[in-house]
Amino acid sequence: ILLDTLGLKPKKPFEDHKKPEVYDL
């Protein structure tokens, strides 16, 4: 309700940094 009232929308994942890769260590 709060976010809709303010016109704010959820940010999508990995917009600031790429998705970490899973790898064998």
PDBML (XML) file of the C-alpha atoms, coordinates in Angstrom:
<?xml version="1.0" encoding="UTF-8" ?>
<PDBx:datablock datablockName="MODEL"
   xmlns:PDBx="http://pdbml.pdb.org/schema/pdbx-v50.xsd"
   xmlns:xsi="http://www.w3.org/2001/XMLSchema-instance"
   xsi:schemaLocation="http://pdbml.pdb.org/schema/pdbx-v50.xsd pdbx-v50.xsd">
   <PDBx:atom_siteCategory>
      <PDBx:atom_site id="1">
         <PDBx:B_iso_or_equiv>0.00</PDBx:B_iso_or_equiv>
         <PDBx:Cartn_x>0.000</PDBx:Cartn_x>
         <PDBx:Cartn_y>0.000</PDBx:Cartn_y>
         <PDBx:Cartn_z>0.000</PDBx:Cartn_z>
         <PDBx:auth_asym_id>A</PDBx:auth_asym_id>
         <PDBx:auth_atom_id>CA</PDBx:auth_atom_id>
         <PDBx:auth_comp_id>ILE</PDBx:auth_comp_id>
         <PDBx:auth_seq_id>1</PDBx:auth_seq_id>
         <PDBx:group_PDB>ATOM</PDBx:group_PDB>
         <PDBx:label_alt_id xsi:nil="true" />
         <PDBx:label_asym_id>A</PDBx:label_asym_id>
         <PDBx:label_atom_id>CA</PDBx:label_atom_id>
         <PDBx:label_comp_id>ILE</PDBx:label_comp_id>
         <PDBx:label_entity_id>1</PDBx:label_entity_id>
         <PDBx:label_seq_id>1</PDBx:label_seq_id>
         <PDBx:occupancy>1.00</PDBx:occupancy>
         <PDBx:pdbx_PDB_model_num>1</PDBx:pdbx_PDB_model_num>
         <PDBx:type_symbol>C</PDBx:type_symbol>
      </PDBx:atom_site>
      <PDBx:atom_site id="2">
         <PDBx:B_iso_or_equiv>0.00</PDBx:B_iso_or_equiv>
         <PDBx:Cartn_x>2.815</PDBx:Cartn_x>
         <PDBx:Cartn_y>2.404</PDBx:Cartn_y>
         <PDBx:Cartn_z>0.929</PDBx:Cartn_z>
         <PDBx:auth_asym_id>A</PDBx:auth_asym_id>
         <PDBx:auth_atom_id>CA</PDBx:auth_atom_id>
         <PDBx:auth_comp_id>LEU</PDBx:auth_comp_id>
         <PDBx:auth_seq_id>2</PDBx:auth_seq_id>
         <PDBx:group_PDB>ATOM</PDBx:group_PDB>
         <PDBx:label_alt_id xsi:nil="true" />
         <PDBx:label_asym_id>A</PDBx:label_asym_id>
         <PDBx:label_atom_id>CA</PDBx:label_atom_id>
         <PDBx:label_comp_id>LEU</PDBx:label_comp_id>
         <PDBx:label_entity_id>1</PDBx:label_entity_id>
         <PDBx:label_seq_id>2</PDBx:label_seq_id>
         <PDBx:occupancy>1.00</PDBx:occupancy>
         <PDBx:pdbx_PDB_model_num>1</PDBx:pdbx_PDB_model_num>
         <PDBx:type_symbol>C</PDBx:type_symbol>
      </PDBx:atom_site>
      <PDBx:atom_site id="3">
         <PDBx:B_iso_or_equiv>0.00</PDBx:B_iso_or_equiv>
         <PDBx:Cartn_x>4.851</PDBx:Cartn_x>
         <PDBx:Cartn_y>1.783</PDBx:Cartn_y>
         <PDBx:Cartn_z>-2.238</PDBx:Cartn_z>
         <PDBx:auth_asym_id>A</PDBx:auth_asym_id>
         <PDBx:auth_atom_id>CA</PDBx:auth_atom_id>
         <PDBx:auth_comp_id>LEU</PDBx:auth_comp_id>
         <PDBx:auth_seq_id>3</PDBx:auth_seq_id>
         <PDBx:group_PDB>ATOM</PDBx:group_PDB>
         <PDBx:label_alt_id xsi:nil="true" />
         <PDBx:label_asym_id>A</PDBx:label_asym_id>
         <PDBx:label_atom_id>CA</PDBx:label_atom_id>
         <PDBx:label_comp_id>LEU</PDBx:label_comp_id>
         <PDBx:label_entity_id>1</PDBx:label_entity_id>
         <PDBx:label_seq_id>3</PDBx:label_seq_id>
         <PDBx:occupancy>1.00</PDBx:occupancy>
         <PDBx:pdbx_PDB_model_num>1</PDBx:pdbx_PDB_model_num>
         <PDBx:type_symbol>C</PDBx:type_symbol>
      </PDBx:atom_site>
      <PDBx:atom_site id="4">
         <PDBx:B_iso_or_equiv>0.00</PDBx:B_iso_or_equiv>
         <PDBx:Cartn_x>1.761</PDBx:Cartn_x>
         <PDBx:Cartn_y>2.021</PDBx:Cartn_y>
         <PDBx:Cartn_z>-4.468</PDBx:Cartn_z>
         <PDBx:auth_asym_id>A</PDBx:auth_asym_id>
         <PDBx:auth_atom_id>CA</PDBx:auth_atom_id>
         <PDBx:auth_comp_id>ASP</PDBx:auth_comp_id>
         <PDBx:auth_seq_id>4</PDBx:auth_seq_id>
         <PDBx:group_PDB>ATOM</PDBx:group_PDB>
         <PDBx:label_alt_id xsi:nil="true" />
         <PDBx:label_asym_id>A</PDBx:label_asym_id>
         <PDBx:label_atom_id>CA</PDBx:label_atom_id>
         <PDBx:label_comp_id>ASP</PDBx:label_comp_id>
         <PDBx:label_entity_id>1</PDBx:label_entity_id>
         <PDBx:label_seq_id>4</PDBx:label_seq_id>
         <PDBx:occupancy>1.00</PDBx:occupancy>
         <PDBx:pdbx_PDB_model_num>1</PDBx:pdbx_PDB_model_num>
         <PDBx:type_symbol>C</PDBx:type_symbol>
      </PDBx:atom_site>
      <PDBx:atom_site id="5">
         <PDBx:B_iso_or_equiv>0.00</PDBx:B_iso_or_equiv>
         <PDBx:Cartn_x>0.762</PDBx:Cartn_x>
         <PDBx:Cartn_y>5.302</PDBx:Cartn_y>
         <PDBx:Cartn_z>-2.803</PDBx:Cartn_z>
         <PDBx:auth_asym_id>A</PDBx:auth_asym_id>
         <PDBx:auth_atom_id>CA</PDBx:auth_atom_id>
         <PDBx:auth_comp_id>THR</PDBx:auth_comp_id>
         <PDBx:auth_seq_id>5</PDBx:auth_seq_id>
         <PDBx:group_PDB>ATOM</PDBx:group_PDB>
         <PDBx:label_alt_id xsi:nil="true" />
         <PDBx:label_asym_id>A</PDBx:label_asym_id>
         <PDBx:label_atom_id>CA</PDBx:label_atom_id>
         <PDBx:label_comp_id>THR</PDBx:label_comp_id>
         <PDBx:label_entity_id>1</PDBx:label_entity_id>
         <PDBx:label_seq_id>5</PDBx:label_seq_id>
         <PDBx:occupancy>1.00</PDBx:occupancy>
         <PDBx:pdbx_PDB_model_num>1</PDBx:pdbx_PDB_model_num>
         <PDBx:type_symbol>C</PDBx:type_symbol>
      </PDBx:atom_site>
      <PDBx:atom_site id="6">
         <PDBx:B_iso_or_equiv>0.00</PDBx:B_iso_or_equiv>
         <PDBx:Cartn_x>4.226</PDBx:Cartn_x>
         <PDBx:Cartn_y>6.767</PDBx:Cartn_y>
         <PDBx:Cartn_z>-3.396</PDBx:Cartn_z>
         <PDBx:auth_asym_id>A</PDBx:auth_asym_id>
         <PDBx:auth_atom_id>CA</PDBx:auth_atom_id>
         <PDBx:auth_comp_id>LEU</PDBx:auth_comp_id>
         <PDBx:auth_seq_id>6</PDBx:auth_seq_id>
         <PDBx:group_PDB>ATOM</PDBx:group_PDB>
         <PDBx:label_alt_id xsi:nil="true" />
         <PDBx:label_asym_id>A</PDBx:label_asym_id>
         <PDBx:label_atom_id>CA</PDBx:label_atom_id>
         <PDBx:label_comp_id>LEU</PDBx:label_comp_id>
         <PDBx:label_entity_id>1</PDBx:label_entity_id>
         <PDBx:label_seq_id>6</PDBx:label_seq_id>
         <PDBx:occupancy>1.00</PDBx:occupancy>
         <PDBx:pdbx_PDB_model_num>1</PDBx:pdbx_PDB_model_num>
         <PDBx:type_symbol>C</PDBx:type_symbol>
      </PDBx:atom_site>
      <PDBx:atom_site id="7">
         <PDBx:B_iso_or_equiv>0.00</PDBx:B_iso_or_equiv>
         <PDBx:Cartn_x>4.500</PDBx:Cartn_x>
         <PDBx:Cartn_y>5.402</PDBx:Cartn_y>
         <PDBx:Cartn_z>-6.935</PDBx:Cartn_z>
         <PDBx:auth_asym_id>A</PDBx:auth_asym_id>
         <PDBx:auth_atom_id>CA</PDBx:auth_atom_id>
         <PDBx:auth_comp_id>GLY</PDBx:auth_comp_id>
         <PDBx:auth_seq_id>7</PDBx:auth_seq_id>
         <PDBx:group_PDB>ATOM</PDBx:group_PDB>
         <PDBx:label_alt_id xsi:nil="true" />
         <PDBx:label_asym_id>A</PDBx:label_asym_id>
         <PDBx:label_atom_id>CA</PDBx:label_atom_id>
         <PDBx:label_comp_id>GLY</PDBx:label_comp_id>
         <PDBx:label_entity_id>1</PDBx:label_entity_id>
         <PDBx:label_seq_id>7</PDBx:label_seq_id>
         <PDBx:occupancy>1.00</PDBx:occupancy>
         <PDBx:pdbx_PDB_model_num>1</PDBx:pdbx_PDB_model_num>
         <PDBx:type_symbol>C</PDBx:type_symbol>
      </PDBx:atom_site>
      <PDBx:atom_site id="8">
         <PDBx:B_iso_or_equiv>0.00</PDBx:B_iso_or_equiv>
         <PDBx:Cartn_x>7.534</PDBx:Cartn_x>
         <PDBx:Cartn_y>3.292</PDBx:Cartn_y>
         <PDBx:Cartn_z>-6.064</PDBx:Cartn_z>
         <PDBx:auth_asym_id>A</PDBx:auth_asym_id>
         <PDBx:auth_atom_id>CA</PDBx:auth_atom_id>
         <PDBx:auth_comp_id>LEU</PDBx:auth_comp_id>
         <PDBx:auth_seq_id>8</PDBx:auth_seq_id>
         <PDBx:group_PDB>ATOM</PDBx:group_PDB>
         <PDBx:label_alt_id xsi:nil="true" />
         <PDBx:label_asym_id>A</PDBx:label_asym_id>
         <PDBx:label_atom_id>CA</PDBx:label_atom_id>
         <PDBx:label_comp_id>LEU</PDBx:label_comp_id>
         <PDBx:label_entity_id>1</PDBx:label_entity_id>
         <PDBx:label_seq_id>8</PDBx:label_seq_id>
         <PDBx:occupancy>1.00</PDBx:occupancy>
         <PDBx:pdbx_PDB_model_num>1</PDBx:pdbx_PDB_model_num>
         <PDBx:type_symbol>C</PDBx:type_symbol>
      </PDBx:atom_site>
      <PDBx:atom_site id="9">
         <PDBx:B_iso_or_equiv>0.00</PDBx:B_iso_or_equiv>
         <PDBx:Cartn_x>8.277</PDBx:Cartn_x>
         <PDBx:Cartn_y>0.005</PDBx:Cartn_y>
         <PDBx:Cartn_z>-7.815</PDBx:Cartn_z>
         <PDBx:auth_asym_id>A</PDBx:auth_asym_id>
         <PDBx:auth_atom_id>CA</PDBx:auth_atom_id>
         <PDBx:auth_comp_id>LYS</PDBx:auth_comp_id>
         <PDBx:auth_seq_id>9</PDBx:auth_seq_id>
         <PDBx:group_PDB>ATOM</PDBx:group_PDB>
         <PDBx:label_alt_id xsi:nil="true" />
         <PDBx:label_asym_id>A</PDBx:label_asym_id>
         <PDBx:label_atom_id>CA</PDBx:label_atom_id>
         <PDBx:label_comp_id>LYS</PDBx:label_comp_id>
         <PDBx:label_entity_id>1</PDBx:label_entity_id>
         <PDBx:label_seq_id>9</PDBx:label_seq_id>
         <PDBx:occupancy>1.00</PDBx:occupancy>
         <PDBx:pdbx_PDB_model_num>1</PDBx:pdbx_PDB_model_num>
         <PDBx:type_symbol>C</PDBx:type_symbol>
      </PDBx:atom_site>
      <PDBx:atom_site id="10">
         <PDBx:B_iso_or_equiv>0.00</PDBx:B_iso_or_equiv>
         <PDBx:Cartn_x>10.445</PDBx:Cartn_x>
         <PDBx:Cartn_y>-2.954</PDBx:Cartn_y>
         <PDBx:Cartn_z>-6.775</PDBx:Cartn_z>
         <PDBx:auth_asym_id>A</PDBx:auth_asym_id>
         <PDBx:auth_atom_id>CA</PDBx:auth_atom_id>
         <PDBx:auth_comp_id>PRO</PDBx:auth_comp_id>
         <PDBx:auth_seq_id>10</PDBx:auth_seq_id>
         <PDBx:group_PDB>ATOM</PDBx:group_PDB>
         <PDBx:label_alt_id xsi:nil="true" />
         <PDBx:label_asym_id>A</PDBx:label_asym_id>
         <PDBx:label_atom_id>CA</PDBx:label_atom_id>
         <PDBx:label_comp_id>PRO</PDBx:label_comp_id>
         <PDBx:label_entity_id>1</PDBx:label_entity_id>
         <PDBx:label_seq_id>10</PDBx:label_seq_id>
         <PDBx:occupancy>1.00</PDBx:occupancy>
         <PDBx:pdbx_PDB_model_num>1</PDBx:pdbx_PDB_model_num>
         <PDBx:type_symbol>C</PDBx:type_symbol>
      </PDBx:atom_site>
      <PDBx:atom_site id="11">
         <PDBx:B_iso_or_equiv>0.00</PDBx:B_iso_or_equiv>
         <PDBx:Cartn_x>13.950</PDBx:Cartn_x>
         <PDBx:Cartn_y>-3.015</PDBx:Cartn_y>
         <PDBx:Cartn_z>-8.205</PDBx:Cartn_z>
         <PDBx:auth_asym_id>A</PDBx:auth_asym_id>
         <PDBx:auth_atom_id>CA</PDBx:auth_atom_id>
         <PDBx:auth_comp_id>LYS</PDBx:auth_comp_id>
         <PDBx:auth_seq_id>11</PDBx:auth_seq_id>
         <PDBx:group_PDB>ATOM</PDBx:group_PDB>
         <PDBx:label_alt_id xsi:nil="true" />
         <PDBx:label_asym_id>A</PDBx:label_asym_id>
         <PDBx:label_atom_id>CA</PDBx:label_atom_id>
         <PDBx:label_comp_id>LYS</PDBx:label_comp_id>
         <PDBx:label_entity_id>1</PDBx:label_entity_id>
         <PDBx:label_seq_id>11</PDBx:label_seq_id>
         <PDBx:occupancy>1.00</PDBx:occupancy>
         <PDBx:pdbx_PDB_model_num>1</PDBx:pdbx_PDB_model_num>
         <PDBx:type_symbol>C</PDBx:type_symbol>
      </PDBx:atom_site>
      <PDBx:atom_site id="12">
         <PDBx:B_iso_or_equiv>0.00</PDBx:B_iso_or_equiv>
         <PDBx:Cartn_x>14.897</PDBx:Cartn_x>
         <PDBx:Cartn_y>-6.064</PDBx:Cartn_y>
         <PDBx:Cartn_z>-10.256</PDBx:Cartn_z>
         <PDBx:auth_asym_id>A</PDBx:auth_asym_id>
         <PDBx:auth_atom_id>CA</PDBx:auth_atom_id>
         <PDBx:auth_comp_id>LYS</PDBx:auth_comp_id>
         <PDBx:auth_seq_id>12</PDBx:auth_seq_id>
         <PDBx:group_PDB>ATOM</PDBx:group_PDB>
         <PDBx:label_alt_id xsi:nil="true" />
         <PDBx:label_asym_id>A</PDBx:label_asym_id>
         <PDBx:label_atom_id>CA</PDBx:label_atom_id>
         <PDBx:label_comp_id>LYS</PDBx:label_comp_id>
         <PDBx:label_entity_id>1</PDBx:label_entity_id>
         <PDBx:label_seq_id>12</PDBx:label_seq_id>
         <PDBx:occupancy>1.00</PDBx:occupancy>
         <PDBx:pdbx_PDB_model_num>1</PDBx:pdbx_PDB_model_num>
         <PDBx:type_symbol>C</PDBx:type_symbol>
      </PDBx:atom_site>
      <PDBx:atom_site id="13">
         <PDBx:B_iso_or_equiv>0.00</PDBx:B_iso_or_equiv>
         <PDBx:Cartn_x>17.764</PDBx:Cartn_x>
         <PDBx:Cartn_y>-8.310</PDBx:Cartn_y>
         <PDBx:Cartn_z>-9.106</PDBx:Cartn_z>
         <PDBx:auth_asym_id>A</PDBx:auth_asym_id>
         <PDBx:auth_atom_id>CA</PDBx:auth_atom_id>
         <PDBx:auth_comp_id>PRO</PDBx:auth_comp_id>
         <PDBx:auth_seq_id>13</PDBx:auth_seq_id>
         <PDBx:group_PDB>ATOM</PDBx:group_PDB>
         <PDBx:label_alt_id xsi:nil="true" />
         <PDBx:label_asym_id>A</PDBx:label_asym_id>
         <PDBx:label_atom_id>CA</PDBx:label_atom_id>
         <PDBx:label_comp_id>PRO</PDBx:label_comp_id>
         <PDBx:label_entity_id>1</PDBx:label_entity_id>
         <PDBx:label_seq_id>13</PDBx:label_seq_id>
         <PDBx:occupancy>1.00</PDBx:occupancy>
         <PDBx:pdbx_PDB_model_num>1</PDBx:pdbx_PDB_model_num>
         <PDBx:type_symbol>C</PDBx:type_symbol>
      </PDBx:atom_site>
      <PDBx:atom_site id="14">
         <PDBx:B_iso_or_equiv>0.00</PDBx:B_iso_or_equiv>
         <PDBx:Cartn_x>21.316</PDBx:Cartn_x>
         <PDBx:Cartn_y>-7.898</PDBx:Cartn_y>
         <PDBx:Cartn_z>-10.425</PDBx:Cartn_z>
         <PDBx:auth_asym_id>A</PDBx:auth_asym_id>
         <PDBx:auth_atom_id>CA</PDBx:auth_atom_id>
         <PDBx:auth_comp_id>PHE</PDBx:auth_comp_id>
         <PDBx:auth_seq_id>14</PDBx:auth_seq_id>
         <PDBx:group_PDB>ATOM</PDBx:group_PDB>
         <PDBx:label_alt_id xsi:nil="true" />
         <PDBx:label_asym_id>A</PDBx:label_asym_id>
         <PDBx:label_atom_id>CA</PDBx:label_atom_id>
         <PDBx:label_comp_id>PHE</PDBx:label_comp_id>
         <PDBx:label_entity_id>1</PDBx:label_entity_id>
         <PDBx:label_seq_id>14</PDBx:label_seq_id>
         <PDBx:occupancy>1.00</PDBx:occupancy>
         <PDBx:pdbx_PDB_model_num>1</PDBx:pdbx_PDB_model_num>
         <PDBx:type_symbol>C</PDBx:type_symbol>
      </PDBx:atom_site>
      <PDBx:atom_site id="15">
         <PDBx:B_iso_or_equiv>0.00</PDBx:B_iso_or_equiv>
         <PDBx:Cartn_x>20.815</PDBx:Cartn_x>
         <PDBx:Cartn_y>-4.379</PDBx:Cartn_y>
         <PDBx:Cartn_z>-11.782</PDBx:Cartn_z>
         <PDBx:auth_asym_id>A</PDBx:auth_asym_id>
         <PDBx:auth_atom_id>CA</PDBx:auth_atom_id>
         <PDBx:auth_comp_id>GLU</PDBx:auth_comp_id>
         <PDBx:auth_seq_id>15</PDBx:auth_seq_id>
         <PDBx:group_PDB>ATOM</PDBx:group_PDB>
         <PDBx:label_alt_id xsi:nil="true" />
         <PDBx:label_asym_id>A</PDBx:label_asym_id>
         <PDBx:label_atom_id>CA</PDBx:label_atom_id>
         <PDBx:label_comp_id>GLU</PDBx:label_comp_id>
         <PDBx:label_entity_id>1</PDBx:label_entity_id>
         <PDBx:label_seq_id>15</PDBx:label_seq_id>
         <PDBx:occupancy>1.00</PDBx:occupancy>
         <PDBx:pdbx_PDB_model_num>1</PDBx:pdbx_PDB_model_num>
         <PDBx:type_symbol>C</PDBx:type_symbol>
      </PDBx:atom_site>
      <PDBx:atom_site id="16">
         <PDBx:B_iso_or_equiv>0.00</PDBx:B_iso_or_equiv>
         <PDBx:Cartn_x>23.883</PDBx:Cartn_x>
         <PDBx:Cartn_y>-3.061</PDBx:Cartn_y>
         <PDBx:Cartn_z>-9.933</PDBx:Cartn_z>
         <PDBx:auth_asym_id>A</PDBx:auth_asym_id>
         <PDBx:auth_atom_id>CA</PDBx:auth_atom_id>
         <PDBx:auth_comp_id>ASP</PDBx:auth_comp_id>
         <PDBx:auth_seq_id>16</PDBx:auth_seq_id>
         <PDBx:group_PDB>ATOM</PDBx:group_PDB>
         <PDBx:label_alt_id xsi:nil="true" />
         <PDBx:label_asym_id>A</PDBx:label_asym_id>
         <PDBx:label_atom_id>CA</PDBx:label_atom_id>
         <PDBx:label_comp_id>ASP</PDBx:label_comp_id>
         <PDBx:label_entity_id>1</PDBx:label_entity_id>
         <PDBx:label_seq_id>16</PDBx:label_seq_id>
         <PDBx:occupancy>1.00</PDBx:occupancy>
         <PDBx:pdbx_PDB_model_num>1</PDBx:pdbx_PDB_model_num>
         <PDBx:type_symbol>C</PDBx:type_symbol>
      </PDBx:atom_site>
      <PDBx:atom_site id="17">
         <PDBx:B_iso_or_equiv>0.00</PDBx:B_iso_or_equiv>
         <PDBx:Cartn_x>26.158</PDBx:Cartn_x>
         <PDBx:Cartn_y>-6.099</PDBx:Cartn_y>
         <PDBx:Cartn_z>-10.119</PDBx:Cartn_z>
         <PDBx:auth_asym_id>A</PDBx:auth_asym_id>
         <PDBx:auth_atom_id>CA</PDBx:auth_atom_id>
         <PDBx:auth_comp_id>HIS</PDBx:auth_comp_id>
         <PDBx:auth_seq_id>17</PDBx:auth_seq_id>
         <PDBx:group_PDB>ATOM</PDBx:group_PDB>
         <PDBx:label_alt_id xsi:nil="true" />
         <PDBx:label_asym_id>A</PDBx:label_asym_id>
         <PDBx:label_atom_id>CA</PDBx:label_atom_id>
         <PDBx:label_comp_id>HIS</PDBx:label_comp_id>
         <PDBx:label_entity_id>1</PDBx:label_entity_id>
         <PDBx:label_seq_id>17</PDBx:label_seq_id>
         <PDBx:occupancy>1.00</PDBx:occupancy>
         <PDBx:pdbx_PDB_model_num>1</PDBx:pdbx_PDB_model_num>
         <PDBx:type_symbol>C</PDBx:type_symbol>
      </PDBx:atom_site>
      <PDBx:atom_site id="18">
         <PDBx:B_iso_or_equiv>0.00</PDBx:B_iso_or_equiv>
         <PDBx:Cartn_x>26.033</PDBx:Cartn_x>
         <PDBx:Cartn_y>-9.183</PDBx:Cartn_y>
         <PDBx:Cartn_z>-12.293</PDBx:Cartn_z>
         <PDBx:auth_asym_id>A</PDBx:auth_asym_id>
         <PDBx:auth_atom_id>CA</PDBx:auth_atom_id>
         <PDBx:auth_comp_id>LYS</PDBx:auth_comp_id>
         <PDBx:auth_seq_id>18</PDBx:auth_seq_id>
         <PDBx:group_PDB>ATOM</PDBx:group_PDB>
         <PDBx:label_alt_id xsi:nil="true" />
         <PDBx:label_asym_id>A</PDBx:label_asym_id>
         <PDBx:label_atom_id>CA</PDBx:label_atom_id>
         <PDBx:label_comp_id>LYS</PDBx:label_comp_id>
         <PDBx:label_entity_id>1</PDBx:label_entity_id>
         <PDBx:label_seq_id>18</PDBx:label_seq_id>
         <PDBx:occupancy>1.00</PDBx:occupancy>
         <PDBx:pdbx_PDB_model_num>1</PDBx:pdbx_PDB_model_num>
         <PDBx:type_symbol>C</PDBx:type_symbol>
      </PDBx:atom_site>
      <PDBx:atom_site id="19">
         <PDBx:B_iso_or_equiv>0.00</PDBx:B_iso_or_equiv>
         <PDBx:Cartn_x>24.744</PDBx:Cartn_x>
         <PDBx:Cartn_y>-12.453</PDBx:Cartn_y>
         <PDBx:Cartn_z>-10.953</PDBx:Cartn_z>
         <PDBx:auth_asym_id>A</PDBx:auth_asym_id>
         <PDBx:auth_atom_id>CA</PDBx:auth_atom_id>
         <PDBx:auth_comp_id>LYS</PDBx:auth_comp_id>
         <PDBx:auth_seq_id>19</PDBx:auth_seq_id>
         <PDBx:group_PDB>ATOM</PDBx:group_PDB>
         <PDBx:label_alt_id xsi:nil="true" />
         <PDBx:label_asym_id>A</PDBx:label_asym_id>
         <PDBx:label_atom_id>CA</PDBx:label_atom_id>
         <PDBx:label_comp_id>LYS</PDBx:label_comp_id>
         <PDBx:label_entity_id>1</PDBx:label_entity_id>
         <PDBx:label_seq_id>19</PDBx:label_seq_id>
         <PDBx:occupancy>1.00</PDBx:occupancy>
         <PDBx:pdbx_PDB_model_num>1</PDBx:pdbx_PDB_model_num>
         <PDBx:type_symbol>C</PDBx:type_symbol>
      </PDBx:atom_site>
      <PDBx:atom_site id="20">
         <PDBx:B_iso_or_equiv>0.00</PDBx:B_iso_or_equiv>
         <PDBx:Cartn_x>27.536</PDBx:Cartn_x>
         <PDBx:Cartn_y>-14.421</PDBx:Cartn_y>
         <PDBx:Cartn_z>-9.224</PDBx:Cartn_z>
         <PDBx:auth_asym_id>A</PDBx:auth_asym_id>
         <PDBx:auth_atom_id>CA</PDBx:auth_atom_id>
         <PDBx:auth_comp_id>PRO</PDBx:auth_comp_id>
         <PDBx:auth_seq_id>20</PDBx:auth_seq_id>
         <PDBx:group_PDB>ATOM</PDBx:group_PDB>
         <PDBx:label_alt_id xsi:nil="true" />
         <PDBx:label_asym_id>A</PDBx:label_asym_id>
         <PDBx:label_atom_id>CA</PDBx:label_atom_id>
         <PDBx:label_comp_id>PRO</PDBx:label_comp_id>
         <PDBx:label_entity_id>1</PDBx:label_entity_id>
         <PDBx:label_seq_id>20</PDBx:label_seq_id>
         <PDBx:occupancy>1.00</PDBx:occupancy>
         <PDBx:pdbx_PDB_model_num>1</PDBx:pdbx_PDB_model_num>
         <PDBx:type_symbol>C</PDBx:type_symbol>
      </PDBx:atom_site>
      <PDBx:atom_site id="21">
         <PDBx:B_iso_or_equiv>0.00</PDBx:B_iso_or_equiv>
         <PDBx:Cartn_x>28.545</PDBx:Cartn_x>
         <PDBx:Cartn_y>-17.617</PDBx:Cartn_y>
         <PDBx:Cartn_z>-10.975</PDBx:Cartn_z>
         <PDBx:auth_asym_id>A</PDBx:auth_asym_id>
         <PDBx:auth_atom_id>CA</PDBx:auth_atom_id>
         <PDBx:auth_comp_id>GLU</PDBx:auth_comp_id>
         <PDBx:auth_seq_id>21</PDBx:auth_seq_id>
         <PDBx:group_PDB>ATOM</PDBx:group_PDB>
         <PDBx:label_alt_id xsi:nil="true" />
         <PDBx:label_asym_id>A</PDBx:label_asym_id>
         <PDBx:label_atom_id>CA</PDBx:label_atom_id>
         <PDBx:label_comp_id>GLU</PDBx:label_comp_id>
         <PDBx:label_entity_id>1</PDBx:label_entity_id>
         <PDBx:label_seq_id>21</PDBx:label_seq_id>
         <PDBx:occupancy>1.00</PDBx:occupancy>
         <PDBx:pdbx_PDB_model_num>1</PDBx:pdbx_PDB_model_num>
         <PDBx:type_symbol>C</PDBx:type_symbol>
      </PDBx:atom_site>
      <PDBx:atom_site id="22">
         <PDBx:B_iso_or_equiv>0.00</PDBx:B_iso_or_equiv>
         <PDBx:Cartn_x>28.576</PDBx:Cartn_x>
         <PDBx:Cartn_y>-20.853</PDBx:Cartn_y>
         <PDBx:Cartn_z>-9.015</PDBx:Cartn_z>
         <PDBx:auth_asym_id>A</PDBx:auth_asym_id>
         <PDBx:auth_atom_id>CA</PDBx:auth_atom_id>
         <PDBx:auth_comp_id>VAL</PDBx:auth_comp_id>
         <PDBx:auth_seq_id>22</PDBx:auth_seq_id>
         <PDBx:group_PDB>ATOM</PDBx:group_PDB>
         <PDBx:label_alt_id xsi:nil="true" />
         <PDBx:label_asym_id>A</PDBx:label_asym_id>
         <PDBx:label_atom_id>CA</PDBx:label_atom_id>
         <PDBx:label_comp_id>VAL</PDBx:label_comp_id>
         <PDBx:label_entity_id>1</PDBx:label_entity_id>
         <PDBx:label_seq_id>22</PDBx:label_seq_id>
         <PDBx:occupancy>1.00</PDBx:occupancy>
         <PDBx:pdbx_PDB_model_num>1</PDBx:pdbx_PDB_model_num>
         <PDBx:type_symbol>C</PDBx:type_symbol>
      </PDBx:atom_site>
      <PDBx:atom_site id="23">
         <PDBx:B_iso_or_equiv>0.00</PDBx:B_iso_or_equiv>
         <PDBx:Cartn_x>31.844</PDBx:Cartn_x>
         <PDBx:Cartn_y>-22.712</PDBx:Cartn_y>
         <PDBx:Cartn_z>-9.459</PDBx:Cartn_z>
         <PDBx:auth_asym_id>A</PDBx:auth_asym_id>
         <PDBx:auth_atom_id>CA</PDBx:auth_atom_id>
         <PDBx:auth_comp_id>TYR</PDBx:auth_comp_id>
         <PDBx:auth_seq_id>23</PDBx:auth_seq_id>
         <PDBx:group_PDB>ATOM</PDBx:group_PDB>
         <PDBx:label_alt_id xsi:nil="true" />
         <PDBx:label_asym_id>A</PDBx:label_asym_id>
         <PDBx:label_atom_id>CA</PDBx:label_atom_id>
         <PDBx:label_comp_id>TYR</PDBx:label_comp_id>
         <PDBx:label_entity_id>1</PDBx:label_entity_id>
         <PDBx:label_seq_id>23</PDBx:label_seq_id>
         <PDBx:occupancy>1.00</PDBx:occupancy>
         <PDBx:pdbx_PDB_model_num>1</PDBx:pdbx_PDB_model_num>
         <PDBx:type_symbol>C</PDBx:type_symbol>
      </PDBx:atom_site>
      <PDBx:atom_site id="24">
         <PDBx:B_iso_or_equiv>0.00</PDBx:B_iso_or_equiv>
         <PDBx:Cartn_x>33.782</PDBx:Cartn_x>
         <PDBx:Cartn_y>-25.620</PDBx:Cartn_y>
         <PDBx:Cartn_z>-8.018</PDBx:Cartn_z>
         <PDBx:auth_asym_id>A</PDBx:auth_asym_id>
         <PDBx:auth_atom_id>CA</PDBx:auth_atom_id>
         <PDBx:auth_comp_id>ASP</PDBx:auth_comp_id>
         <PDBx:auth_seq_id>24</PDBx:auth_seq_id>
         <PDBx:group_PDB>ATOM</PDBx:group_PDB>
         <PDBx:label_alt_id xsi:nil="true" />
         <PDBx:label_asym_id>A</PDBx:label_asym_id>
         <PDBx:label_atom_id>CA</PDBx:label_atom_id>
         <PDBx:label_comp_id>ASP</PDBx:label_comp_id>
         <PDBx:label_entity_id>1</PDBx:label_entity_id>
         <PDBx:label_seq_id>24</PDBx:label_seq_id>
         <PDBx:occupancy>1.00</PDBx:occupancy>
         <PDBx:pdbx_PDB_model_num>1</PDBx:pdbx_PDB_model_num>
         <PDBx:type_symbol>C</PDBx:type_symbol>
      </PDBx:atom_site>
      <PDBx:atom_site id="25">
         <PDBx:B_iso_or_equiv>0.00</PDBx:B_iso_or_equiv>
         <PDBx:Cartn_x>36.395</PDBx:Cartn_x>
         <PDBx:Cartn_y>-24.477</PDBx:Cartn_y>
         <PDBx:Cartn_z>-5.551</PDBx:Cartn_z>
         <PDBx:auth_asym_id>A</PDBx:auth_asym_id>
         <PDBx:auth_atom_id>CA</PDBx:auth_atom_id>
         <PDBx:auth_comp_id>LEU</PDBx:auth_comp_id>
         <PDBx:auth_seq_id>25</PDBx:auth_seq_id>
         <PDBx:group_PDB>ATOM</PDBx:group_PDB>
         <PDBx:label_alt_id xsi:nil="true" />
         <PDBx:label_asym_id>A</PDBx:label_asym_id>
         <PDBx:label_atom_id>CA</PDBx:label_atom_id>
         <PDBx:label_comp_id>LEU</PDBx:label_comp_id>
         <PDBx:label_entity_id>1</PDBx:label_entity_id>
         <PDBx:label_seq_id>25</PDBx:label_seq_id>
         <PDBx:occupancy>1.00</PDBx:occupancy>
         <PDBx:pdbx_PDB_model_num>1</PDBx:pdbx_PDB_model_num>
         <PDBx:type_symbol>C</PDBx:type_symbol>
      </PDBx:atom_site>
   </PDBx:atom_siteCategory>
</PDBx:datablock>
